[in-house]
């Protein structure tokens, strides 16, 4: 395993789910937040990680490593859930 669907403050050994892609770290300067930059970066990673003939991973198949409180909020807005993995 190593992947879990979690909520902030909940132990990560919750509901296990498969992810197609893991984001180890993403950061946007405070003054540039809420402009869609993080979403755009993750979208590009999803596109680049797709091999020819494969279907691009959905936003819900993206997991994040050790997100902060703001990271959980981003994951929920971006993917509709917070999928977390342990590197």
N, C-alpha and C. Protein backbone atom coordinates (compact mmCIF):
# COMPACT_ATOMS: atom_id res chain seq x y z
N UNK A 1 0.82 -1.21 0.00
CA UNK A 1 0.00 0.00 0.00
C UNK A 1 0.86 1.26 0.00
N UNK A 2 0.62 2.19 0.85
CA UNK A 2 1.34 3.44 0.88
C UNK A 2 0.49 4.61 0.44
N UNK A 3 -0.72 4.36 -0.04
CA UNK A 3 -1.62 5.43 -0.45
C UNK A 3 -2.88 5.39 0.39
N UNK A 4 -3.34 6.54 0.79
CA UNK A 4 -4.57 6.57 1.58
C UNK A 4 -5.36 7.83 1.30
N UNK A 5 -6.65 7.67 1.24
CA UNK A 5 -7.56 8.80 1.11
C UNK A 5 -7.80 9.29 2.53
N UNK A 6 -7.42 10.54 2.79
CA UNK A 6 -7.48 11.03 4.17
C UNK A 6 -8.06 12.43 4.24
N UNK A 7 -8.40 12.83 5.41
CA UNK A 7 -8.82 14.20 5.71
C UNK A 7 -7.75 14.78 6.65
N UNK A 8 -7.58 16.10 6.69
CA UNK A 8 -6.59 16.68 7.60
C UNK A 8 -6.83 16.22 9.04
N UNK A 9 -5.77 15.79 9.68
CA UNK A 9 -5.86 15.37 11.07
C UNK A 9 -6.29 13.93 11.25
N UNK A 10 -6.56 13.22 10.16
CA UNK A 10 -6.95 11.82 10.25
C UNK A 10 -5.73 10.97 9.96
N UNK A 11 -5.58 9.88 10.70
CA UNK A 11 -4.44 8.99 10.48
C UNK A 11 -4.46 8.49 9.04
N UNK A 12 -3.31 8.52 8.34
CA UNK A 12 -3.29 8.18 6.92
C UNK A 12 -3.58 6.73 6.59
N UNK A 13 -3.68 5.87 7.56
CA UNK A 13 -4.00 4.47 7.26
C UNK A 13 -5.50 4.29 7.24
N UNK A 14 -6.14 5.02 6.37
CA UNK A 14 -7.60 5.00 6.25
C UNK A 14 -8.03 4.15 5.08
N UNK A 15 -8.70 4.76 4.12
CA UNK A 15 -9.22 4.06 2.96
C UNK A 15 -8.13 4.03 1.90
N UNK A 16 -7.64 2.84 1.57
CA UNK A 16 -6.56 2.73 0.59
C UNK A 16 -7.12 2.74 -0.82
N UNK A 17 -6.44 3.43 -1.69
CA UNK A 17 -6.88 3.62 -3.07
C UNK A 17 -5.64 3.71 -3.94
N UNK A 18 -5.73 3.31 -5.18
CA UNK A 18 -4.61 3.36 -6.10
C UNK A 18 -4.51 4.74 -6.74
N UNK A 19 -3.29 5.20 -6.89
CA UNK A 19 -3.04 6.48 -7.59
C UNK A 19 -2.18 6.19 -8.81
N UNK A 20 -2.33 6.99 -9.83
CA UNK A 20 -1.55 6.83 -11.05
C UNK A 20 -0.30 7.72 -11.03
N UNK A 21 -0.32 8.74 -10.17
CA UNK A 21 0.73 9.74 -10.18
C UNK A 21 0.90 10.31 -8.79
N UNK A 22 2.15 10.51 -8.37
CA UNK A 22 2.42 11.10 -7.06
C UNK A 22 3.18 12.41 -7.20
N UNK A 23 2.73 13.41 -6.50
CA UNK A 23 3.40 14.71 -6.47
C UNK A 23 4.14 14.80 -5.14
N UNK A 24 5.47 14.83 -5.21
CA UNK A 24 6.27 14.87 -4.00
C UNK A 24 6.25 16.26 -3.36
N UNK A 25 6.34 17.30 -4.17
CA UNK A 25 6.39 18.66 -3.65
C UNK A 25 5.85 19.62 -4.69
N UNK A 26 5.03 20.55 -4.24
CA UNK A 26 4.57 21.63 -5.11
C UNK A 26 4.47 22.88 -4.23
N UNK A 27 4.95 23.97 -4.75
CA UNK A 27 4.96 25.20 -3.97
C UNK A 27 4.72 26.38 -4.90
N UNK A 28 3.91 27.31 -4.44
CA UNK A 28 3.65 28.55 -5.17
C UNK A 28 3.85 29.71 -4.20
N UNK A 29 4.57 30.72 -4.64
CA UNK A 29 4.82 31.90 -3.81
C UNK A 29 3.48 32.46 -3.32
N UNK A 30 3.47 32.85 -2.06
CA UNK A 30 2.23 33.34 -1.43
C UNK A 30 1.51 34.40 -2.27
N UNK A 31 2.26 35.34 -2.81
CA UNK A 31 1.65 36.43 -3.59
C UNK A 31 1.06 35.94 -4.92
N UNK A 32 1.43 34.73 -5.34
CA UNK A 32 0.96 34.21 -6.63
C UNK A 32 -0.12 33.13 -6.47
N UNK A 33 -0.50 32.84 -5.24
CA UNK A 33 -1.50 31.79 -5.00
C UNK A 33 -2.89 32.24 -5.43
N UNK A 34 -3.76 31.26 -5.62
CA UNK A 34 -5.16 31.47 -6.03
C UNK A 34 -5.26 32.02 -7.45
N UNK A 35 -4.22 31.75 -8.26
CA UNK A 35 -4.23 32.17 -9.66
C UNK A 35 -4.22 30.98 -10.61
N UNK A 36 -4.32 29.77 -10.07
CA UNK A 36 -4.36 28.58 -10.91
C UNK A 36 -3.01 28.00 -11.27
N UNK A 37 -1.93 28.51 -10.68
CA UNK A 37 -0.59 28.05 -11.03
C UNK A 37 -0.34 26.60 -10.61
N UNK A 38 -0.72 26.25 -9.39
CA UNK A 38 -0.50 24.88 -8.91
C UNK A 38 -1.32 23.90 -9.76
N UNK A 39 -2.55 24.24 -10.05
CA UNK A 39 -3.38 23.38 -10.89
C UNK A 39 -2.75 23.22 -12.27
N UNK A 40 -2.25 24.30 -12.83
CA UNK A 40 -1.61 24.24 -14.15
C UNK A 40 -0.37 23.35 -14.12
N UNK A 41 0.42 23.45 -13.05
CA UNK A 41 1.62 22.61 -12.94
C UNK A 41 1.25 21.14 -12.86
N UNK A 42 0.26 20.81 -12.04
CA UNK A 42 -0.15 19.40 -11.91
C UNK A 42 -0.76 18.91 -13.23
N UNK A 43 -1.51 19.76 -13.92
CA UNK A 43 -2.06 19.39 -15.22
C UNK A 43 -0.94 19.03 -16.21
N UNK A 44 0.12 19.84 -16.22
CA UNK A 44 1.25 19.58 -17.12
C UNK A 44 1.92 18.26 -16.77
N UNK A 45 2.12 18.00 -15.48
CA UNK A 45 2.73 16.74 -15.05
C UNK A 45 1.86 15.56 -15.50
N UNK A 46 0.55 15.69 -15.35
CA UNK A 46 -0.35 14.61 -15.80
C UNK A 46 -0.20 14.37 -17.29
N UNK A 47 -0.07 15.45 -18.07
CA UNK A 47 0.09 15.31 -19.52
C UNK A 47 1.43 14.69 -19.89
N UNK A 48 2.51 15.18 -19.27
CA UNK A 48 3.86 14.71 -19.58
C UNK A 48 4.06 13.26 -19.15
N UNK A 49 3.42 12.86 -18.07
CA UNK A 49 3.57 11.50 -17.55
C UNK A 49 2.76 10.47 -18.34
N UNK A 50 1.97 10.93 -19.29
CA UNK A 50 1.15 10.03 -20.09
C UNK A 50 1.95 9.55 -21.31
N UNK A 51 2.11 8.24 -21.41
CA UNK A 51 2.82 7.66 -22.54
C UNK A 51 1.89 7.59 -23.75
N UNK A 52 2.47 7.57 -24.96
CA UNK A 52 1.63 7.46 -26.16
C UNK A 52 0.73 6.23 -26.08
N UNK A 53 -0.53 6.42 -26.43
CA UNK A 53 -1.48 5.32 -26.39
C UNK A 53 -2.15 5.12 -25.04
N UNK A 54 -1.72 5.86 -24.03
CA UNK A 54 -2.32 5.75 -22.70
C UNK A 54 -3.31 6.88 -22.49
N UNK A 55 -4.23 6.65 -21.57
CA UNK A 55 -5.18 7.68 -21.18
C UNK A 55 -4.54 8.49 -20.05
N UNK A 56 -4.66 9.81 -20.11
CA UNK A 56 -4.10 10.67 -19.08
C UNK A 56 -4.76 10.38 -17.74
N UNK A 57 -3.98 10.35 -16.68
CA UNK A 57 -4.51 10.14 -15.33
C UNK A 57 -5.51 11.24 -14.99
N UNK A 58 -6.59 10.87 -14.36
CA UNK A 58 -7.57 11.88 -13.94
C UNK A 58 -7.04 12.63 -12.73
N UNK A 59 -7.61 13.77 -12.45
CA UNK A 59 -7.20 14.55 -11.28
C UNK A 59 -7.38 13.74 -10.00
N UNK A 60 -8.39 12.89 -9.96
CA UNK A 60 -8.65 12.06 -8.79
C UNK A 60 -7.65 10.94 -8.59
N UNK A 61 -6.76 10.71 -9.57
CA UNK A 61 -5.74 9.68 -9.46
C UNK A 61 -4.38 10.25 -9.07
N UNK A 62 -4.36 11.52 -8.68
CA UNK A 62 -3.11 12.18 -8.29
C UNK A 62 -3.01 12.17 -6.77
N UNK A 63 -1.87 11.68 -6.27
CA UNK A 63 -1.63 11.65 -4.82
C UNK A 63 -0.55 12.67 -4.48
N UNK A 64 -0.60 13.15 -3.25
CA UNK A 64 0.35 14.15 -2.77
C UNK A 64 1.09 13.61 -1.55
N UNK A 65 2.36 13.94 -1.43
CA UNK A 65 3.18 13.48 -0.32
C UNK A 65 3.18 14.50 0.82
N UNK A 66 2.75 14.09 1.97
CA UNK A 66 2.79 14.89 3.19
C UNK A 66 2.29 16.33 2.99
N UNK A 67 1.08 16.51 2.52
CA UNK A 67 0.60 17.88 2.29
C UNK A 67 0.37 18.65 3.59
N UNK A 68 0.58 19.94 3.51
CA UNK A 68 0.28 20.83 4.62
C UNK A 68 -1.23 21.03 4.67
N UNK A 69 -1.69 21.83 5.60
CA UNK A 69 -3.12 22.15 5.68
C UNK A 69 -3.58 22.80 4.37
N UNK A 70 -2.77 23.73 3.85
CA UNK A 70 -3.10 24.36 2.57
C UNK A 70 -3.01 23.36 1.42
N UNK A 71 -2.09 22.41 1.54
CA UNK A 71 -1.96 21.36 0.52
C UNK A 71 -3.19 20.48 0.48
N UNK A 72 -3.75 20.14 1.65
CA UNK A 72 -4.99 19.36 1.69
C UNK A 72 -6.11 20.14 1.01
N UNK A 73 -6.18 21.43 1.28
CA UNK A 73 -7.23 22.26 0.68
C UNK A 73 -7.06 22.27 -0.84
N UNK A 74 -5.82 22.41 -1.32
CA UNK A 74 -5.58 22.39 -2.76
C UNK A 74 -5.99 21.04 -3.36
N UNK A 75 -5.57 19.94 -2.73
CA UNK A 75 -5.88 18.61 -3.25
C UNK A 75 -7.39 18.40 -3.36
N UNK A 76 -8.11 18.85 -2.35
CA UNK A 76 -9.57 18.68 -2.37
C UNK A 76 -10.21 19.52 -3.47
N UNK A 77 -9.70 20.73 -3.68
CA UNK A 77 -10.24 21.58 -4.77
C UNK A 77 -9.86 20.99 -6.14
N UNK A 78 -8.63 20.55 -6.25
CA UNK A 78 -8.13 20.07 -7.54
C UNK A 78 -8.75 18.72 -7.92
N UNK A 79 -8.74 17.79 -6.98
CA UNK A 79 -9.13 16.41 -7.30
C UNK A 79 -10.47 15.99 -6.68
N UNK A 80 -10.99 16.81 -5.79
CA UNK A 80 -12.23 16.42 -5.13
C UNK A 80 -11.99 15.52 -3.93
N UNK A 81 -10.73 15.22 -3.67
CA UNK A 81 -10.34 14.37 -2.54
C UNK A 81 -8.87 14.64 -2.22
N UNK A 82 -8.42 14.16 -1.09
CA UNK A 82 -7.01 14.31 -0.73
C UNK A 82 -6.39 12.92 -0.68
N UNK A 83 -5.72 12.55 -1.74
CA UNK A 83 -5.04 11.26 -1.81
C UNK A 83 -3.58 11.48 -1.43
N UNK A 84 -3.13 10.80 -0.38
CA UNK A 84 -1.80 11.03 0.18
C UNK A 84 -0.98 9.75 0.07
N UNK A 85 0.30 9.91 -0.27
CA UNK A 85 1.19 8.75 -0.30
C UNK A 85 2.40 9.00 0.58
N UNK A 86 3.04 7.90 0.97
CA UNK A 86 4.25 7.96 1.78
C UNK A 86 5.43 7.63 0.86
N UNK A 87 6.36 8.57 0.69
CA UNK A 87 7.50 8.30 -0.21
C UNK A 87 8.42 7.23 0.34
